[in-house]
Amino acid sequence: TGTAGVTGTAGTTGVGGTTGAAGT
């Protein structure tokens, strides 16, 4: 439901990992 980087404020600490791995 969120557009890229626009409404993605919910995960305030969910910064993408540098290796782009999916979270376990």
mmCIF file of all heavy atoms, coordinates in Angstrom:
data_MODEL
# 
_entry.id   MODEL 
# 
loop_
_atom_site.group_PDB 
_atom_site.id 
_atom_site.type_symbol 
_atom_site.label_atom_id 
_atom_site.label_alt_id 
_atom_site.label_comp_id 
_atom_site.label_asym_id 
_atom_site.label_entity_id 
_atom_site.label_seq_id 
_atom_site.pdbx_PDB_ins_code 
_atom_site.Cartn_x 
_atom_site.Cartn_y 
_atom_site.Cartn_z 
_atom_site.occupancy 
_atom_site.B_iso_or_equiv 
_atom_site.pdbx_formal_charge 
_atom_site.auth_seq_id 
_atom_site.auth_comp_id 
_atom_site.auth_asym_id 
_atom_site.auth_atom_id 
_atom_site.pdbx_PDB_model_num 
ATOM 1   N N   . THR A 1 1  ? 0.813  -1.212  0.000  1.00 0.00 ? 1  THR A N   1 
ATOM 2   C CA  . THR A 1 1  ? 0.000  0.000   0.000  1.00 0.00 ? 1  THR A CA  1 
ATOM 3   C C   . THR A 1 1  ? 0.849  1.266   0.000  1.00 0.00 ? 1  THR A C   1 
ATOM 4   O O   . THR A 1 1  ? 0.338  2.346   -0.210 1.00 0.00 ? 1  THR A O   1 
ATOM 5   C CB  . THR A 1 1  ? -0.922 0.037   1.217  1.00 0.00 ? 1  THR A CB  1 
ATOM 6   O OG1 . THR A 1 1  ? -0.126 -0.018  2.398  1.00 0.00 ? 1  THR A OG1 1 
ATOM 7   C CG2 . THR A 1 1  ? -1.865 -1.137  1.223  1.00 0.00 ? 1  THR A CG2 1 
ATOM 8   N N   . GLY A 1 2  ? 2.101  1.123   0.247  1.00 0.00 ? 2  GLY A N   1 
ATOM 9   C CA  . GLY A 1 2  ? 2.921  2.327   0.327  1.00 0.00 ? 2  GLY A CA  1 
ATOM 10  C C   . GLY A 1 2  ? 3.720  2.549   -0.947 1.00 0.00 ? 2  GLY A C   1 
ATOM 11  O O   . GLY A 1 2  ? 4.236  1.616   -1.520 1.00 0.00 ? 2  GLY A O   1 
ATOM 12  N N   . THR A 1 3  ? 3.806  3.745   -1.342 1.00 0.00 ? 3  THR A N   1 
ATOM 13  C CA  . THR A 1 3  ? 4.673  4.051   -2.475 1.00 0.00 ? 3  THR A CA  1 
ATOM 14  C C   . THR A 1 3  ? 6.091  4.123   -1.979 1.00 0.00 ? 3  THR A C   1 
ATOM 15  O O   . THR A 1 3  ? 6.349  4.405   -0.816 1.00 0.00 ? 3  THR A O   1 
ATOM 16  C CB  . THR A 1 3  ? 4.292  5.391   -3.120 1.00 0.00 ? 3  THR A CB  1 
ATOM 17  O OG1 . THR A 1 3  ? 4.364  6.398   -2.110 1.00 0.00 ? 3  THR A OG1 1 
ATOM 18  C CG2 . THR A 1 3  ? 2.895  5.350   -3.686 1.00 0.00 ? 3  THR A CG2 1 
ATOM 19  N N   . ALA A 1 4  ? 6.952  3.854   -2.895 1.00 0.00 ? 4  ALA A N   1 
ATOM 20  C CA  . ALA A 1 4  ? 8.357  3.729   -2.499 1.00 0.00 ? 4  ALA A CA  1 
ATOM 21  C C   . ALA A 1 4  ? 8.811  4.990   -1.803 1.00 0.00 ? 4  ALA A C   1 
ATOM 22  O O   . ALA A 1 4  ? 8.781  6.074   -2.360 1.00 0.00 ? 4  ALA A O   1 
ATOM 23  C CB  . ALA A 1 4  ? 9.215  3.477   -3.734 1.00 0.00 ? 4  ALA A CB  1 
ATOM 24  N N   . GLY A 1 5  ? 9.269  4.822   -0.614 1.00 0.00 ? 5  GLY A N   1 
ATOM 25  C CA  . GLY A 1 5  ? 9.895  5.908   0.128  1.00 0.00 ? 5  GLY A CA  1 
ATOM 26  C C   . GLY A 1 5  ? 8.995  7.062   0.452  1.00 0.00 ? 5  GLY A C   1 
ATOM 27  O O   . GLY A 1 5  ? 9.475  8.073   0.927  1.00 0.00 ? 5  GLY A O   1 
ATOM 28  N N   . VAL A 1 6  ? 7.712  6.939   0.192  1.00 0.00 ? 6  VAL A N   1 
ATOM 29  C CA  . VAL A 1 6  ? 6.840  8.087   0.432  1.00 0.00 ? 6  VAL A CA  1 
ATOM 30  C C   . VAL A 1 6  ? 6.083  7.904   1.753  1.00 0.00 ? 6  VAL A C   1 
ATOM 31  O O   . VAL A 1 6  ? 6.116  8.741   2.634  1.00 0.00 ? 6  VAL A O   1 
ATOM 32  C CB  . VAL A 1 6  ? 5.855  8.268   -0.727 1.00 0.00 ? 6  VAL A CB  1 
ATOM 33  C CG1 . VAL A 1 6  ? 4.898  9.427   -0.444 1.00 0.00 ? 6  VAL A CG1 1 
ATOM 34  C CG2 . VAL A 1 6  ? 6.627  8.507   -2.002 1.00 0.00 ? 6  VAL A CG2 1 
ATOM 35  N N   . THR A 1 7  ? 5.417  6.778   1.841  1.00 0.00 ? 7  THR A N   1 
ATOM 36  C CA  . THR A 1 7  ? 4.666  6.537   3.083  1.00 0.00 ? 7  THR A CA  1 
ATOM 37  C C   . THR A 1 7  ? 5.349  5.515   3.960  1.00 0.00 ? 7  THR A C   1 
ATOM 38  O O   . THR A 1 7  ? 4.780  5.046   4.921  1.00 0.00 ? 7  THR A O   1 
ATOM 39  C CB  . THR A 1 7  ? 3.256  6.037   2.750  1.00 0.00 ? 7  THR A CB  1 
ATOM 40  O OG1 . THR A 1 7  ? 3.367  4.812   2.027  1.00 0.00 ? 7  THR A OG1 1 
ATOM 41  C CG2 . THR A 1 7  ? 2.495  7.031   1.941  1.00 0.00 ? 7  THR A CG2 1 
ATOM 42  N N   . GLY A 1 8  ? 6.566  5.183   3.581  1.00 0.00 ? 8  GLY A N   1 
ATOM 43  C CA  . GLY A 1 8  ? 7.248  4.141   4.356  1.00 0.00 ? 8  GLY A CA  1 
ATOM 44  C C   . GLY A 1 8  ? 7.863  4.664   5.631  1.00 0.00 ? 8  GLY A C   1 
ATOM 45  O O   . GLY A 1 8  ? 9.020  4.441   5.876  1.00 0.00 ? 8  GLY A O   1 
ATOM 46  N N   . THR A 1 9  ? 7.091  5.350   6.424  1.00 0.00 ? 9  THR A N   1 
ATOM 47  C CA  . THR A 1 9  ? 7.601  5.883   7.688  1.00 0.00 ? 9  THR A CA  1 
ATOM 48  C C   . THR A 1 9  ? 7.382  4.940   8.858  1.00 0.00 ? 9  THR A C   1 
ATOM 49  O O   . THR A 1 9  ? 7.909  5.150   9.926  1.00 0.00 ? 9  THR A O   1 
ATOM 50  C CB  . THR A 1 9  ? 6.908  7.213   7.999  1.00 0.00 ? 9  THR A CB  1 
ATOM 51  O OG1 . THR A 1 9  ? 5.495  6.976   8.059  1.00 0.00 ? 9  THR A OG1 1 
ATOM 52  C CG2 . THR A 1 9  ? 7.193  8.233   6.936  1.00 0.00 ? 9  THR A CG2 1 
ATOM 53  N N   . ALA A 1 10 ? 6.580  3.905   8.639  1.00 0.00 ? 10 ALA A N   1 
ATOM 54  C CA  . ALA A 1 10 ? 6.252  3.027   9.770  1.00 0.00 ? 10 ALA A CA  1 
ATOM 55  C C   . ALA A 1 10 ? 7.488  2.348   10.303 1.00 0.00 ? 10 ALA A C   1 
ATOM 56  O O   . ALA A 1 10 ? 7.725  2.308   11.490 1.00 0.00 ? 10 ALA A O   1 
ATOM 57  C CB  . ALA A 1 10 ? 5.233  1.992   9.334  1.00 0.00 ? 10 ALA A CB  1 
ATOM 58  N N   . GLY A 1 11 ? 8.283  1.794   9.419  1.00 0.00 ? 11 GLY A N   1 
ATOM 59  C CA  . GLY A 1 11 ? 9.462  1.101   9.913  1.00 0.00 ? 11 GLY A CA  1 
ATOM 60  C C   . GLY A 1 11 ? 10.584 2.086   10.144 1.00 0.00 ? 11 GLY A C   1 
ATOM 61  O O   . GLY A 1 11 ? 11.510 2.184   9.359  1.00 0.00 ? 11 GLY A O   1 
ATOM 62  N N   . THR A 1 12 ? 10.502 2.804   11.188 1.00 0.00 ? 12 THR A N   1 
ATOM 63  C CA  . THR A 1 12 ? 11.441 3.899   11.397 1.00 0.00 ? 12 THR A CA  1 
ATOM 64  C C   . THR A 1 12 ? 12.867 3.415   11.519 1.00 0.00 ? 12 THR A C   1 
ATOM 65  O O   . THR A 1 12 ? 13.801 4.139   11.215 1.00 0.00 ? 12 THR A O   1 
ATOM 66  C CB  . THR A 1 12 ? 11.083 4.682   12.665 1.00 0.00 ? 12 THR A CB  1 
ATOM 67  O OG1 . THR A 1 12 ? 11.039 3.771   13.759 1.00 0.00 ? 12 THR A OG1 1 
ATOM 68  C CG2 . THR A 1 12 ? 9.746  5.352   12.510 1.00 0.00 ? 12 THR A CG2 1 
ATOM 69  N N   . THR A 1 13 ? 13.038 2.192   11.973 1.00 0.00 ? 13 THR A N   1 
ATOM 70  C CA  . THR A 1 13 ? 14.403 1.699   12.073 1.00 0.00 ? 13 THR A CA  1 
ATOM 71  C C   . THR A 1 13 ? 14.690 0.613   11.051 1.00 0.00 ? 13 THR A C   1 
ATOM 72  O O   . THR A 1 13 ? 15.726 -0.015  11.092 1.00 0.00 ? 13 THR A O   1 
ATOM 73  C CB  . THR A 1 13 ? 14.663 1.127   13.472 1.00 0.00 ? 13 THR A CB  1 
ATOM 74  O OG1 . THR A 1 13 ? 13.751 0.057   13.722 1.00 0.00 ? 13 THR A OG1 1 
ATOM 75  C CG2 . THR A 1 13 ? 14.446 2.194   14.524 1.00 0.00 ? 13 THR A CG2 1 
ATOM 76  N N   . GLY A 1 14 ? 13.773 0.410   10.154 1.00 0.00 ? 14 GLY A N   1 
ATOM 77  C CA  . GLY A 1 14 ? 13.952 -0.669  9.182  1.00 0.00 ? 14 GLY A CA  1 
ATOM 78  C C   . GLY A 1 14 ? 14.778 -0.263  7.988  1.00 0.00 ? 14 GLY A C   1 
ATOM 79  O O   . GLY A 1 14 ? 14.356 -0.427  6.860  1.00 0.00 ? 14 GLY A O   1 
ATOM 80  N N   . VAL A 1 15 ? 15.921 0.275   8.221  1.00 0.00 ? 15 VAL A N   1 
ATOM 81  C CA  . VAL A 1 15 ? 16.800 0.684   7.118  1.00 0.00 ? 15 VAL A CA  1 
ATOM 82  C C   . VAL A 1 15 ? 17.300 -0.543  6.388  1.00 0.00 ? 15 VAL A C   1 
ATOM 83  O O   . VAL A 1 15 ? 17.652 -1.546  7.009  1.00 0.00 ? 15 VAL A O   1 
ATOM 84  C CB  . VAL A 1 15 ? 17.990 1.495   7.656  1.00 0.00 ? 15 VAL A CB  1 
ATOM 85  C CG1 . VAL A 1 15 ? 18.906 1.926   6.539  1.00 0.00 ? 15 VAL A CG1 1 
ATOM 86  C CG2 . VAL A 1 15 ? 17.462 2.690   8.431  1.00 0.00 ? 15 VAL A CG2 1 
ATOM 87  N N   . GLY A 1 16 ? 17.337 -0.487  5.089  1.00 0.00 ? 16 GLY A N   1 
ATOM 88  C CA  . GLY A 1 16 ? 17.774 -1.633  4.301  1.00 0.00 ? 16 GLY A CA  1 
ATOM 89  C C   . GLY A 1 16 ? 19.199 -2.027  4.611  1.00 0.00 ? 16 GLY A C   1 
ATOM 90  O O   . GLY A 1 16 ? 20.064 -1.183  4.751  1.00 0.00 ? 16 GLY A O   1 
ATOM 91  N N   . GLY A 1 17 ? 19.430 -3.290  4.728  1.00 0.00 ? 17 GLY A N   1 
ATOM 92  C CA  . GLY A 1 17 ? 20.797 -3.772  4.935  1.00 0.00 ? 17 GLY A CA  1 
ATOM 93  C C   . GLY A 1 17 ? 21.651 -3.507  3.695  1.00 0.00 ? 17 GLY A C   1 
ATOM 94  O O   . GLY A 1 17 ? 21.152 -3.497  2.595  1.00 0.00 ? 17 GLY A O   1 
ATOM 95  N N   . THR A 1 18 ? 22.895 -3.358  3.920  1.00 0.00 ? 18 THR A N   1 
ATOM 96  C CA  . THR A 1 18 ? 23.778 -3.024  2.800  1.00 0.00 ? 18 THR A CA  1 
ATOM 97  C C   . THR A 1 18 ? 23.861 -4.157  1.816  1.00 0.00 ? 18 THR A C   1 
ATOM 98  O O   . THR A 1 18 ? 24.186 -3.949  0.663  1.00 0.00 ? 18 THR A O   1 
ATOM 99  C CB  . THR A 1 18 ? 25.185 -2.703  3.316  1.00 0.00 ? 18 THR A CB  1 
ATOM 100 O OG1 . THR A 1 18 ? 25.661 -3.812  4.068  1.00 0.00 ? 18 THR A OG1 1 
ATOM 101 C CG2 . THR A 1 18 ? 25.154 -1.474  4.197  1.00 0.00 ? 18 THR A CG2 1 
ATOM 102 N N   . THR A 1 19 ? 23.583 -5.360  2.284  1.00 0.00 ? 19 THR A N   1 
ATOM 103 C CA  . THR A 1 19 ? 23.652 -6.473  1.350  1.00 0.00 ? 19 THR A CA  1 
ATOM 104 C C   . THR A 1 19 ? 22.289 -6.847  0.821  1.00 0.00 ? 19 THR A C   1 
ATOM 105 O O   . THR A 1 19 ? 22.162 -7.775  0.058  1.00 0.00 ? 19 THR A O   1 
ATOM 106 C CB  . THR A 1 19 ? 24.264 -7.704  2.031  1.00 0.00 ? 19 THR A CB  1 
ATOM 107 O OG1 . THR A 1 19 ? 23.447 -8.071  3.129  1.00 0.00 ? 19 THR A OG1 1 
ATOM 108 C CG2 . THR A 1 19 ? 25.658 -7.398  2.553  1.00 0.00 ? 19 THR A CG2 1 
ATOM 109 N N   . GLY A 1 20 ? 21.301 -6.124  1.225  1.00 0.00 ? 20 GLY A N   1 
ATOM 110 C CA  . GLY A 1 20 ? 19.971 -6.334  0.664  1.00 0.00 ? 20 GLY A CA  1 
ATOM 111 C C   . GLY A 1 20 ? 19.369 -7.669  0.988  1.00 0.00 ? 20 GLY A C   1 
ATOM 112 O O   . GLY A 1 20 ? 18.514 -8.136  0.258  1.00 0.00 ? 20 GLY A O   1 
ATOM 113 N N   . ALA A 1 21 ? 19.851 -8.314  2.054  1.00 0.00 ? 21 ALA A N   1 
ATOM 114 C CA  . ALA A 1 21 ? 19.272 -9.626  2.366  1.00 0.00 ? 21 ALA A CA  1 
ATOM 115 C C   . ALA A 1 21 ? 17.909 -9.461  3.028  1.00 0.00 ? 21 ALA A C   1 
ATOM 116 O O   . ALA A 1 21 ? 17.649 -8.506  3.734  1.00 0.00 ? 21 ALA A O   1 
ATOM 117 C CB  . ALA A 1 21 ? 20.199 -10.369 3.320  1.00 0.00 ? 21 ALA A CB  1 
ATOM 118 N N   . ALA A 1 22 ? 17.068 -10.403 2.742  1.00 0.00 ? 22 ALA A N   1 
ATOM 119 C CA  . ALA A 1 22 ? 15.740 -10.372 3.366  1.00 0.00 ? 22 ALA A CA  1 
ATOM 120 C C   . ALA A 1 22 ? 15.868 -10.646 4.864  1.00 0.00 ? 22 ALA A C   1 
ATOM 121 O O   . ALA A 1 22 ? 16.695 -11.430 5.286  1.00 0.00 ? 22 ALA A O   1 
ATOM 122 C CB  . ALA A 1 22 ? 14.843 -11.422 2.727  1.00 0.00 ? 22 ALA A CB  1 
ATOM 123 N N   . GLY A 1 23 ? 15.057 -10.028 5.639  1.00 0.00 ? 23 GLY A N   1 
ATOM 124 C CA  . GLY A 1 23 ? 15.119 -10.248 7.087  1.00 0.00 ? 23 GLY A CA  1 
ATOM 125 C C   . GLY A 1 23 ? 14.656 -11.635 7.458  1.00 0.00 ? 23 GLY A C   1 
ATOM 126 O O   . GLY A 1 23 ? 13.683 -12.143 6.936  1.00 0.00 ? 23 GLY A O   1 
ATOM 127 N N   . THR A 1 24 ? 15.396 -12.217 8.394  1.00 0.00 ? 24 THR A N   1 
ATOM 128 C CA  . THR A 1 24 ? 15.009 -13.576 8.802  1.00 0.00 ? 24 THR A CA  1 
ATOM 129 C C   . THR A 1 24 ? 13.701 -13.588 9.565  1.00 0.00 ? 24 THR A C   1 
ATOM 130 O O   . THR A 1 24 ? 13.043 -14.599 9.659  1.00 0.00 ? 24 THR A O   1 
ATOM 131 C CB  . THR A 1 24 ? 16.102 -14.195 9.691  1.00 0.00 ? 24 THR A CB  1 
ATOM 132 O OG1 . THR A 1 24 ? 16.287 -13.363 10.837 1.00 0.00 ? 24 THR A OG1 1 
ATOM 133 C CG2 . THR A 1 24 ? 17.397 -14.307 8.945  1.00 0.00 ? 24 THR A CG2 1 
# 
